[in-house]
């Protein structure tokens, strides 16, 4: 059987090429024609990343995965040094998912002149929500995303909806700066009990893992209120009640209802409910789509 777009042959083990330098990436990329997709990660790949890879595999002739723990998006008190680095396990995931090429550069390879003096400014949205809690975070995210889009010359790029503000800002950057790539969002992958899959879940103790369900419980309660015809205030009230129910211990950072593009103003019709909270020493985020009555 020959594997075409969206297929990986079950008769042969898929060969995934690993490169570490810009020069080797350029050589490997030049050898690949047709539609190219890129999935950008910081490694520690889990089922959420696998869903991105499967979607990319179904849409493109070639799939590139980038694995790079980007220091620009870590604050001075955040977990850059302790962030999990599991390259061999990640390569196994990429092979099973049918990725063609993995680019895993060093910090010096990505930033040969040191931290870049010129960075992408995310605008007002980049200073709100996650940007308010993590100043400079989205400057670092968008800078590395733009660099990787330039280096991989991808036609498609896939981002998980769990990091919804990131997805929104990448879309806006590509639109505003005329970056010739289609940005595709992929729904959040969840554990059976509703917890969103995240590389940071491994930091949670068993007790904290139970407490972390406060986030998905809040989203579920808000969505139920919206389905029952509640207005924006009712949805937010229900979400706050849902967050505070059950096991105590999660410290709320924000819980907001906004339009799908995270624009300011009254929310009617399609909307997004976003939550962030600390569980022990781990900060988690989640979100879900809701639909309000347009007349509410």
Protein backbone atom coordinates (compact mmCIF):
# COMPACT_ATOMS: atom_id res chain seq x y z
CA UNK A 1 0.00 0.00 0.00
CA UNK A 2 1.25 3.46 -0.85
CA UNK A 3 0.63 6.20 1.72
CA UNK A 4 -0.67 9.45 0.28
CA UNK A 5 -1.76 12.71 1.86
CA UNK A 6 -3.49 12.02 5.16
CA UNK A 7 -2.15 8.44 5.32
CA UNK A 8 0.83 6.68 6.82
CA UNK A 9 1.58 3.23 5.46
CA UNK A 10 0.97 0.48 8.00
CA UNK A 11 3.40 -1.84 6.17
CA UNK A 12 6.61 0.12 6.86
CA UNK A 13 7.88 2.08 9.84
CA UNK A 14 7.65 5.78 9.12
CA UNK A 15 11.03 7.47 8.83
CA UNK A 16 11.25 10.77 10.70
CA UNK A 17 14.34 12.87 10.00
CA UNK A 18 15.84 14.82 12.92
CA UNK A 19 17.80 18.02 12.31
CA UNK A 20 19.28 20.52 14.75
CA UNK A 21 20.64 23.34 12.57
CA UNK A 22 19.17 25.94 10.23
CA UNK A 23 21.36 24.65 7.39
CA UNK A 24 20.12 21.09 7.78
CA UNK A 25 16.53 22.30 8.07
CA UNK A 26 16.89 24.30 4.86
CA UNK A 27 18.33 21.28 3.06
CA UNK A 28 15.61 18.94 4.30
CA UNK A 29 12.86 21.46 3.56
CA UNK A 30 14.12 22.01 -0.01
CA UNK A 31 13.79 18.28 -0.67
CA UNK A 32 10.08 18.33 0.14
CA UNK A 33 7.52 19.54 -2.38
CA UNK A 34 3.77 19.80 -2.07
CA UNK A 35 1.84 21.11 0.94
CA UNK A 36 3.93 21.45 4.10
CA UNK A 37 2.49 21.75 7.61
CA UNK A 38 4.33 22.72 10.76
CA UNK A 39 3.38 21.89 14.34
CA UNK A 40 5.35 23.98 16.84
CA UNK A 41 5.95 22.50 20.29
CA UNK A 42 8.17 22.82 23.33
CA UNK A 43 8.41 19.04 23.57
CA UNK A 44 7.07 16.79 26.33
CA UNK A 45 4.54 15.67 23.74
CA UNK A 46 1.20 14.28 24.91
CA UNK A 47 -2.14 13.34 23.38
CA UNK A 48 -2.96 16.98 22.74
CA UNK A 49 0.11 17.30 20.53
CA UNK A 50 -0.72 14.02 18.86
CA UNK A 51 -4.10 15.43 17.84
CA UNK A 52 -2.31 18.34 16.17
CA UNK A 53 -0.01 15.93 14.34
CA UNK A 54 -2.91 13.77 13.17
CA UNK A 55 -4.75 16.81 11.86
CA UNK A 56 -1.61 18.07 10.11
CA UNK A 57 -1.00 14.62 8.62
CA UNK A 58 -4.53 14.61 7.20
CA UNK A 59 -4.11 18.01 5.55
CA UNK A 60 -0.55 18.08 4.22
CA UNK A 61 1.91 16.13 2.10
CA UNK A 62 4.70 16.71 4.63
CA UNK A 63 4.62 17.44 8.37
CA UNK A 64 7.39 19.28 10.20
CA UNK A 65 7.50 19.32 14.00
CA UNK A 66 9.56 21.87 15.86
CA UNK A 67 10.73 21.09 19.40
CA UNK A 68 12.21 24.10 21.14
CA UNK A 69 11.88 25.33 24.72
CA UNK A 70 11.82 29.04 24.03
CA UNK A 71 13.50 31.11 26.77
CA UNK A 72 11.84 34.32 25.55
CA UNK A 73 8.46 33.24 26.88
CA UNK A 74 9.59 32.41 30.41
CA UNK A 75 9.58 35.02 33.14
CA UNK A 76 12.37 35.32 35.77
CA UNK A 77 10.47 33.18 38.28
CA UNK A 78 9.09 30.63 35.82
CA UNK A 79 10.15 27.08 35.04
CA UNK A 80 12.51 27.33 32.04
CA UNK A 81 15.29 25.25 33.62
CA UNK A 82 12.93 22.61 34.97
CA UNK A 83 10.65 22.45 31.93
CA UNK A 84 10.60 18.79 30.79
CA UNK A 85 12.92 17.92 27.92
CA UNK A 86 12.13 14.46 26.58
CA UNK A 87 13.49 14.42 23.03
CA UNK A 88 13.77 10.65 22.57
CA UNK A 89 10.21 10.07 23.75
CA UNK A 90 9.03 12.97 21.61
CA UNK A 91 10.69 11.47 18.53
CA UNK A 92 8.79 8.23 19.14
CA UNK A 93 5.54 10.20 19.22
CA UNK A 94 6.47 11.98 16.00
CA UNK A 95 7.32 8.71 14.24
CA UNK A 96 4.05 7.10 15.26
CA UNK A 97 2.11 10.15 14.09
CA UNK A 98 3.84 10.17 10.72
CA UNK A 99 5.89 13.35 11.04
CA UNK A 100 8.45 13.67 8.26
CA UNK A 101 10.91 16.07 9.85
CA UNK A 102 11.71 17.23 13.38
CA UNK A 103 13.64 20.47 13.93
CA UNK A 104 15.09 20.56 17.45
CA UNK A 105 17.49 23.51 17.62
CA UNK A 106 19.54 24.73 20.55
CA UNK A 107 18.98 28.19 21.99
CA UNK A 108 22.21 29.36 20.32
CA UNK A 109 20.99 28.04 16.96
CA UNK A 110 17.67 29.87 17.23
CA UNK A 111 19.18 33.07 18.63
CA UNK A 112 22.78 33.15 17.33
CA UNK A 113 23.24 36.78 18.34
CA UNK A 114 21.78 36.33 21.79
CA UNK A 115 18.27 37.36 22.73
CA UNK A 116 16.84 39.33 19.79
CA UNK A 117 16.65 43.09 20.14
CA UNK A 118 13.76 43.20 17.67
CA UNK A 119 10.66 41.28 18.75
CA UNK A 120 7.06 41.02 17.60
CA UNK A 121 4.78 43.36 19.53
CA UNK A 122 1.46 41.57 20.15
CA UNK A 123 -0.48 44.81 20.65
CA UNK A 124 -3.09 45.45 23.36
CA UNK A 125 -4.42 41.88 23.45
CA UNK A 126 -0.94 40.64 24.28
CA UNK A 127 -0.97 42.64 27.52
CA UNK A 128 -4.32 41.23 28.72
CA UNK A 129 -5.27 37.88 30.30
CA UNK A 130 -2.11 35.73 30.02
CA UNK A 131 -0.10 38.81 29.07
CA UNK A 132 -1.25 40.60 32.22
CA UNK A 133 -0.17 37.71 34.42
CA UNK A 134 3.01 37.03 32.42
CA UNK A 135 4.43 40.32 31.11
CA UNK A 136 6.35 39.94 27.86
CA UNK A 137 5.11 36.39 27.35
CA UNK A 138 3.45 36.94 23.99
CA UNK A 139 6.34 39.04 22.69
CA UNK A 140 8.43 35.89 23.11
CA UNK A 141 5.77 33.57 21.70
CA UNK A 142 5.10 35.57 18.54
CA UNK A 143 8.79 36.22 17.92
CA UNK A 144 9.67 32.52 17.93
CA UNK A 145 6.54 31.59 15.94
CA UNK A 146 7.41 34.09 13.22
CA UNK A 147 11.02 32.85 13.11
CA UNK A 148 9.89 29.23 12.80
CA UNK A 149 7.39 30.08 10.09
CA UNK A 150 10.17 31.79 8.16
CA UNK A 151 12.58 28.87 8.65
CA UNK A 152 10.12 26.09 7.79
CA UNK A 153 8.28 27.99 5.01
CA UNK A 154 5.13 26.08 5.92
CA UNK A 155 1.81 26.41 4.11
CA UNK A 156 -0.22 25.36 7.15
CA UNK A 157 0.38 25.60 10.87
CA UNK A 158 -1.65 23.95 13.64
CA UNK A 159 -2.23 25.23 17.18
CA UNK A 160 -4.32 23.79 19.98
CA UNK A 161 -7.35 25.71 21.18
CA UNK A 162 -6.31 25.13 24.80
CA UNK A 163 -3.90 28.05 24.39
CA UNK A 164 -6.69 30.12 22.90
CA UNK A 165 -5.16 33.56 23.34
CA UNK A 166 -1.96 32.32 21.70
CA UNK A 167 -3.96 30.93 18.76
CA UNK A 168 -5.83 34.24 18.39
CA UNK A 169 -2.63 36.27 18.43
CA UNK A 170 -0.85 34.01 15.93
CA UNK A 171 -3.80 34.38 13.58
CA UNK A 172 -3.76 38.14 14.01
CA UNK A 173 0.00 38.37 13.50
CA UNK A 174 -0.16 36.38 10.28
CA UNK A 175 -3.04 38.51 9.02
CA UNK A 176 -1.55 41.86 10.02
CA UNK A 177 1.97 41.07 8.79
CA UNK A 178 0.89 39.22 5.61
CA UNK A 179 2.55 35.95 6.60
CA UNK A 180 1.53 33.46 3.87
CA UNK A 181 0.38 30.60 6.09
CA UNK A 182 -3.02 29.22 7.08
CA UNK A 183 -3.40 29.04 10.87
CA UNK A 184 -5.63 26.14 11.94
CA UNK A 185 -7.02 25.67 15.46
CA UNK A 186 -7.52 22.14 16.80
CA UNK A 187 -9.98 21.43 19.67
CA UNK A 188 -8.62 20.79 23.15
CA UNK A 189 -7.92 17.16 24.07
CA UNK A 190 -9.18 16.22 27.53
CA UNK A 191 -8.75 13.45 30.04
CA UNK A 192 -11.87 11.31 30.65
CA UNK A 193 -12.73 13.45 33.69
CA UNK A 194 -12.51 16.69 31.70
CA UNK A 195 -9.03 17.96 32.60
CA UNK A 196 -7.34 19.56 29.59
CA UNK A 197 -4.17 17.73 28.51
CA UNK A 198 -1.09 19.82 29.29
CA UNK A 199 2.63 19.24 29.72
CA UNK A 200 2.31 20.95 33.09
CA UNK A 201 -0.15 18.38 34.44
CA UNK A 202 2.88 16.22 35.31
CA UNK A 203 3.76 18.75 38.01
CA UNK A 204 0.51 18.03 39.86
CA UNK A 205 0.37 15.70 42.85
CA UNK A 206 -2.59 13.27 42.94
CA UNK A 207 -4.42 15.60 45.31
CA UNK A 208 -3.67 18.63 43.12
CA UNK A 209 -4.81 16.70 40.07
CA UNK A 210 -8.27 16.49 41.67
CA UNK A 211 -8.22 20.19 42.56
CA UNK A 212 -7.33 21.04 38.94
CA UNK A 213 -10.77 19.85 37.84
CA UNK A 214 -12.03 23.22 39.14
CA UNK A 215 -11.10 24.75 35.77
CA UNK A 216 -13.07 22.38 33.55
CA UNK A 217 -15.92 22.37 36.08
CA UNK A 218 -16.18 26.16 35.76
CA UNK A 219 -16.30 25.95 31.96
CA UNK A 220 -18.92 23.22 32.03
CA UNK A 221 -21.12 25.21 34.42
CA UNK A 222 -20.84 28.33 32.26
CA UNK A 223 -21.67 26.41 29.09
CA UNK A 224 -24.71 24.87 30.76
CA UNK A 225 -25.92 28.31 31.82
CA UNK A 226 -25.51 29.56 28.25
CA UNK A 227 -27.43 26.56 26.88
CA UNK A 228 -30.23 27.35 29.31
CA UNK A 229 -30.56 30.84 27.84
CA UNK A 230 -28.50 32.76 30.35
CA UNK A 231 -26.97 36.10 29.46
CA UNK A 232 -23.29 36.98 29.89
CA UNK A 233 -23.69 37.83 33.58
CA UNK A 234 -25.50 34.54 34.28
CA UNK A 235 -22.85 32.55 32.44
CA UNK A 236 -20.03 34.16 34.42
CA UNK A 237 -21.88 33.70 37.71
CA UNK A 238 -22.46 30.02 37.00
CA UNK A 239 -18.82 29.57 36.01
CA UNK A 240 -17.60 31.17 39.24
CA UNK A 241 -19.91 28.94 41.27
CA UNK A 242 -18.67 25.91 39.35
CA UNK A 243 -15.06 26.86 39.95
CA UNK A 244 -15.61 27.17 43.69
CA UNK A 245 -17.59 23.95 44.07
CA UNK A 246 -16.04 20.63 45.10
CA UNK A 247 -12.42 20.42 46.24
CA UNK A 248 -10.97 23.74 47.45
CA UNK A 249 -7.42 24.77 46.75
CA UNK A 250 -7.32 26.31 43.27
CA UNK A 251 -6.46 30.04 43.26
CA UNK A 252 -8.28 31.84 40.48
CA UNK A 253 -6.26 34.18 38.28
CA UNK A 254 -8.99 35.13 35.82
CA UNK A 255 -12.33 33.89 34.56
CA UNK A 256 -13.68 35.91 31.63
CA UNK A 257 -16.24 35.72 28.86
CA UNK A 258 -15.30 37.32 25.56
CA UNK A 259 -16.08 37.16 21.87
CA UNK A 260 -14.37 34.48 19.72
CA UNK A 261 -11.65 36.92 18.59
CA UNK A 262 -11.06 38.19 22.14
CA UNK A 263 -12.22 41.64 21.12
CA UNK A 264 -13.57 44.06 23.78
CA UNK A 265 -17.23 44.99 23.91
CA UNK A 266 -20.61 43.34 24.60
CA UNK A 267 -20.69 39.58 24.07
CA UNK A 268 -23.59 38.09 22.11
CA UNK A 269 -23.92 34.94 20.05
CA UNK A 270 -20.69 32.87 19.76
CA UNK A 271 -18.36 33.53 22.70
CA UNK A 272 -15.38 32.09 24.56
CA UNK A 273 -15.09 31.39 28.27
CA UNK A 274 -11.49 31.44 29.51
CA UNK A 275 -10.06 30.53 32.91
CA UNK A 276 -6.62 30.49 34.52
CA UNK A 277 -5.75 29.35 38.04
CA UNK A 278 -2.91 28.21 40.26
CA UNK A 279 -3.06 24.70 41.68
CA UNK A 280 -0.24 24.41 44.17
CA UNK A 281 2.79 25.78 42.31
CA UNK A 282 1.40 25.02 38.85
CA UNK A 283 -0.48 27.54 36.74
CA UNK A 284 -3.11 26.04 34.44
CA UNK A 285 -5.33 27.50 31.73
CA UNK A 286 -8.42 26.27 29.92
CA UNK A 287 -11.27 27.58 27.80
CA UNK A 288 -14.43 26.50 26.03
CA UNK A 289 -16.79 27.86 23.39
CA UNK A 290 -20.24 28.97 24.49
CA UNK A 291 -23.14 30.49 22.61
CA UNK A 292 -25.27 33.27 24.08
CA UNK A 293 -28.67 34.28 22.84
CA UNK A 294 -27.92 37.17 20.45
CA UNK A 295 -30.82 39.10 22.00
CA UNK A 296 -29.53 38.75 25.56
